[in-house]
Amino acid sequence: MKRFLTLLFFTSCFIAPAQTALRNVDALTFKKYIDEQKSILIDLRTDDELSKKGMIKGAKQIDFFAKDAESQIAKLDKKKTYLIYCAGGGRSGDCAELMQKLGFKEVVNLEKGFDDWKRKGLEVVAK
């Protein structure tokens, strides 16, 4: 019986779907992740939002409202860690759920978005 349970345990470890580590964090914690430089930073806002308000240094844009946003996200390397944000946290929350469904390894969401980042006086650069 013990041998069977051991075999069952190891089999389930390999068959079980990978779980996405999803974290919703505040602006200061998000900055710590950026400073570690072990992840990819993605801004989910529109071109208009970026040109008017700026962005976090080093971010790559994927406009979450664009028709091809889901396919752009699906093409990303699922083994990497992604830091995602939008204006207030709504789009990035939806994107985090999508990334979770797609099987991404790790996703860190700026919970209150870029607006909170800016209110905290953290660095912003022009697009």
C-alpha atoms as a PDB file:
ATOM      1  CA  MET A   1       0.000   0.000   0.000  1.00  0.00           C
ATOM      2  CA  LYS A   2       2.817   2.403   0.880  1.00  0.00           C
ATOM      3  CA  ARG A   3       4.470   1.773  -2.472  1.00  0.00           C
ATOM      4  CA  PHE A   4       1.175   2.464  -4.264  1.00  0.00           C
ATOM      5  CA  LEU A   5       0.640   5.763  -2.438  1.00  0.00           C
ATOM      6  CA  THR A   6       4.197   6.863  -3.199  1.00  0.00           C
ATOM      7  CA  LEU A   7       3.711   6.056  -6.882  1.00  0.00           C
ATOM      8  CA  LEU A   8       0.364   7.865  -6.899  1.00  0.00           C
ATOM      9  CA  PHE A   9       1.944  10.953  -5.323  1.00  0.00           C
ATOM     10  CA  PHE A  10       4.794  11.175  -7.836  1.00  0.00           C
ATOM     11  CA  THR A  11       2.469  10.545 -10.769  1.00  0.00           C
ATOM     12  CA  SER A  12       0.133  13.313  -9.662  1.00  0.00           C
ATOM     13  CA  CYS A  13       3.064  15.728  -9.391  1.00  0.00           C
ATOM     14  CA  PHE A  14       3.857  15.270 -13.065  1.00  0.00           C
ATOM     15  CA  ILE A  15       0.285  15.200 -14.317  1.00  0.00           C
ATOM     16  CA  ALA A  16      -1.089  18.115 -12.294  1.00  0.00           C
ATOM     17  CA  PRO A  17      -1.321  21.350 -14.307  1.00  0.00           C
ATOM     18  CA  ALA A  18       1.243  24.012 -13.561  1.00  0.00           C
ATOM     19  CA  GLN A  19      -0.027  26.683 -11.208  1.00  0.00           C
ATOM     20  CA  THR A  20       0.652  30.322 -11.905  1.00  0.00           C
ATOM     21  CA  ALA A  21       2.137  32.246  -9.010  1.00  0.00           C
ATOM     22  CA  LEU A  22      -0.084  35.328  -9.098  1.00  0.00           C
ATOM     23  CA  ARG A  23       0.670  38.237  -6.797  1.00  0.00           C
ATOM     24  CA  ASN A  24      -1.273  41.479  -6.420  1.00  0.00           C
ATOM     25  CA  VAL A  25       1.080  44.005  -4.866  1.00  0.00           C
ATOM     26  CA  ASP A  26       1.286  47.676  -3.920  1.00  0.00           C
ATOM     27  CA  ALA A  27       3.491  50.191  -5.728  1.00  0.00           C
ATOM     28  CA  LEU A  28       6.480  49.939  -3.374  1.00  0.00           C
ATOM     29  CA  THR A  29       6.560  46.134  -3.575  1.00  0.00           C
ATOM     30  CA  PHE A  30       6.182  46.358  -7.368  1.00  0.00           C
ATOM     31  CA  LYS A  31       9.215  48.666  -7.475  1.00  0.00           C
ATOM     32  CA  LYS A  32      11.238  46.075  -5.543  1.00  0.00           C
ATOM     33  CA  TYR A  33      10.401  43.472  -8.205  1.00  0.00           C
ATOM     34  CA  ILE A  34      11.502  45.924 -10.919  1.00  0.00           C
ATOM     35  CA  ASP A  35      14.750  46.643  -9.064  1.00  0.00           C
ATOM     36  CA  GLU A  36      15.566  42.919  -8.949  1.00  0.00           C
ATOM     37  CA  GLN A  37      15.649  42.953 -12.788  1.00  0.00           C
ATOM     38  CA  LYS A  38      14.591  39.319 -13.068  1.00  0.00           C
ATOM     39  CA  SER A  39      11.317  39.945 -14.830  1.00  0.00           C
ATOM     40  CA  ILE A  40       9.641  41.557 -17.817  1.00  0.00           C
ATOM     41  CA  LEU A  41       7.656  44.750 -17.227  1.00  0.00           C
ATOM     42  CA  ILE A  42       4.501  45.240 -19.308  1.00  0.00           C
ATOM     43  CA  ASP A  43       2.329  48.357 -19.544  1.00  0.00           C
ATOM     44  CA  LEU A  44      -1.203  47.447 -20.645  1.00  0.00           C
ATOM     45  CA  ARG A  45      -2.398  50.987 -21.361  1.00  0.00           C
ATOM     46  CA  THR A  46      -3.192  52.642 -24.685  1.00  0.00           C
ATOM     47  CA  ASP A  47      -0.826  54.840 -26.722  1.00  0.00           C
ATOM     48  CA  ASP A  48      -2.879  57.870 -25.705  1.00  0.00           C
ATOM     49  CA  GLU A  49      -2.494  57.069 -21.993  1.00  0.00           C
ATOM     50  CA  LEU A  50       1.243  56.571 -22.390  1.00  0.00           C
ATOM     51  CA  SER A  51       1.765  59.820 -24.290  1.00  0.00           C
ATOM     52  CA  LYS A  52      -0.254  61.847 -21.750  1.00  0.00           C
ATOM     53  CA  LYS A  53       0.934  60.313 -18.473  1.00  0.00           C
ATOM     54  CA  GLY A  54       4.246  58.592 -19.202  1.00  0.00           C
ATOM     55  CA  MET A  55       5.215  55.101 -18.147  1.00  0.00           C
ATOM     56  CA  ILE A  56       7.429  53.147 -15.801  1.00  0.00           C
ATOM     57  CA  LYS A  57      11.010  53.032 -17.084  1.00  0.00           C
ATOM     58  CA  GLY A  58      11.811  49.817 -18.928  1.00  0.00           C
ATOM     59  CA  ALA A  59       8.214  48.822 -19.629  1.00  0.00           C
ATOM     60  CA  LYS A  60       7.104  47.275 -22.894  1.00  0.00           C
ATOM     61  CA  GLN A  61       3.613  48.116 -24.077  1.00  0.00           C
ATOM     62  CA  ILE A  62       0.844  45.700 -24.960  1.00  0.00           C
ATOM     63  CA  ASP A  63      -2.386  47.672 -25.369  1.00  0.00           C
ATOM     64  CA  PHE A  64      -4.880  45.403 -23.601  1.00  0.00           C
ATOM     65  CA  PHE A  65      -7.741  47.025 -25.544  1.00  0.00           C
ATOM     66  CA  ALA A  66      -6.153  46.147 -28.909  1.00  0.00           C
ATOM     67  CA  LYS A  67      -7.807  43.406 -30.952  1.00  0.00           C
ATOM     68  CA  ASP A  68      -4.649  41.293 -30.934  1.00  0.00           C
ATOM     69  CA  ALA A  69      -3.764  41.784 -27.253  1.00  0.00           C
ATOM     70  CA  GLU A  70      -4.666  38.237 -26.252  1.00  0.00           C
ATOM     71  CA  SER A  71      -2.581  36.729 -29.053  1.00  0.00           C
ATOM     72  CA  GLN A  72       0.370  39.014 -28.168  1.00  0.00           C
ATOM     73  CA  ILE A  73       0.159  37.824 -24.560  1.00  0.00           C
ATOM     74  CA  ALA A  74      -0.184  34.175 -25.599  1.00  0.00           C
ATOM     75  CA  LYS A  75       3.089  34.468 -27.596  1.00  0.00           C
ATOM     76  CA  LEU A  76       5.102  35.500 -24.514  1.00  0.00           C
ATOM     77  CA  ASP A  77       7.456  33.013 -22.860  1.00  0.00           C
ATOM     78  CA  LYS A  78       5.322  31.415 -20.145  1.00  0.00           C
ATOM     79  CA  LYS A  79       8.391  30.379 -18.137  1.00  0.00           C
ATOM     80  CA  LYS A  80       9.378  33.970 -17.348  1.00  0.00           C
ATOM     81  CA  THR A  81       8.127  36.322 -14.645  1.00  0.00           C
ATOM     82  CA  TYR A  82       5.968  39.248 -15.745  1.00  0.00           C
ATOM     83  CA  LEU A  83       5.201  42.487 -13.935  1.00  0.00           C
ATOM     84  CA  ILE A  84       2.006  43.971 -15.334  1.00  0.00           C
ATOM     85  CA  TYR A  85       0.169  47.231 -14.802  1.00  0.00           C
ATOM     86  CA  CYS A  86      -2.509  49.481 -16.257  1.00  0.00           C
ATOM     87  CA  ALA A  87      -4.012  52.786 -15.108  1.00  0.00           C
ATOM     88  CA  GLY A  88      -6.005  51.655 -12.066  1.00  0.00           C
ATOM     89  CA  GLY A  89      -5.683  47.875 -11.802  1.00  0.00           C
ATOM     90  CA  GLY A  90      -8.740  46.689 -13.748  1.00  0.00           C
ATOM     91  CA  ARG A  91      -7.132  45.707 -17.049  1.00  0.00           C
ATOM     92  CA  SER A  92      -4.069  44.256 -15.342  1.00  0.00           C
ATOM     93  CA  GLY A  93      -6.339  42.186 -13.091  1.00  0.00           C
ATOM     94  CA  ASP A  94      -8.104  40.815 -16.184  1.00  0.00           C
ATOM     95  CA  CYS A  95      -4.754  40.234 -17.881  1.00  0.00           C
ATOM     96  CA  ALA A  96      -3.423  38.417 -14.808  1.00  0.00           C
ATOM     97  CA  GLU A  97      -6.415  36.055 -14.946  1.00  0.00           C
ATOM     98  CA  LEU A  98      -5.798  35.464 -18.656  1.00  0.00           C
ATOM     99  CA  MET A  99      -2.111  34.762 -18.025  1.00  0.00           C
ATOM    100  CA  GLN A 100      -3.065  32.380 -15.239  1.00  0.00           C
ATOM    101  CA  LYS A 101      -5.385  30.475 -17.608  1.00  0.00           C
ATOM    102  CA  LEU A 102      -2.622  30.362 -20.220  1.00  0.00           C
ATOM    103  CA  GLY A 103      -0.238  28.766 -17.711  1.00  0.00           C
ATOM    104  CA  PHE A 104       2.313  31.515 -17.084  1.00  0.00           C
ATOM    105  CA  LYS A 105       4.847  30.705 -14.355  1.00  0.00           C
ATOM    106  CA  GLU A 106       4.669  33.957 -12.412  1.00  0.00           C
ATOM    107  CA  VAL A 107       2.662  37.165 -12.750  1.00  0.00           C
ATOM    108  CA  VAL A 108       2.932  40.204 -10.487  1.00  0.00           C
ATOM    109  CA  ASN A 109       0.110  42.726 -10.800  1.00  0.00           C
ATOM    110  CA  LEU A 110       0.377  46.353  -9.673  1.00  0.00           C
ATOM    111  CA  GLU A 111      -2.901  46.221  -7.792  1.00  0.00           C
ATOM    112  CA  LYS A 112      -3.873  49.910  -7.863  1.00  0.00           C
ATOM    113  CA  GLY A 113      -2.159  50.620 -11.161  1.00  0.00           C
ATOM    114  CA  PHE A 114       0.004  53.339 -12.612  1.00  0.00           C
ATOM    115  CA  ASP A 115      -2.059  56.087 -10.992  1.00  0.00           C
ATOM    116  CA  ASP A 116      -1.059  54.804  -7.541  1.00  0.00           C
ATOM    117  CA  TRP A 117       2.563  54.456  -8.701  1.00  0.00           C
ATOM    118  CA  LYS A 118       2.529  58.115  -9.708  1.00  0.00           C
ATOM    119  CA  ARG A 119       0.782  59.223  -6.473  1.00  0.00           C
ATOM    120  CA  LYS A 120       3.584  57.544  -4.519  1.00  0.00           C
ATOM    121  CA  GLY A 121       6.100  59.744  -6.365  1.00  0.00           C
ATOM    122  CA  LEU A 122       7.870  56.857  -8.089  1.00  0.00           C
ATOM    123  CA  GLU A 123       9.834  57.389 -11.299  1.00  0.00           C
ATOM    124  CA  VAL A 124       7.906  57.991 -14.526  1.00  0.00           C
ATOM    125  CA  VAL A 125       9.400  58.506 -17.973  1.00  0.00           C
ATOM    126  CA  ALA A 126       7.924  59.903 -21.202  1.00  0.00           C
ATOM    127  CA  LYS A 127       7.035  57.444 -23.923  1.00  0.00           C
END
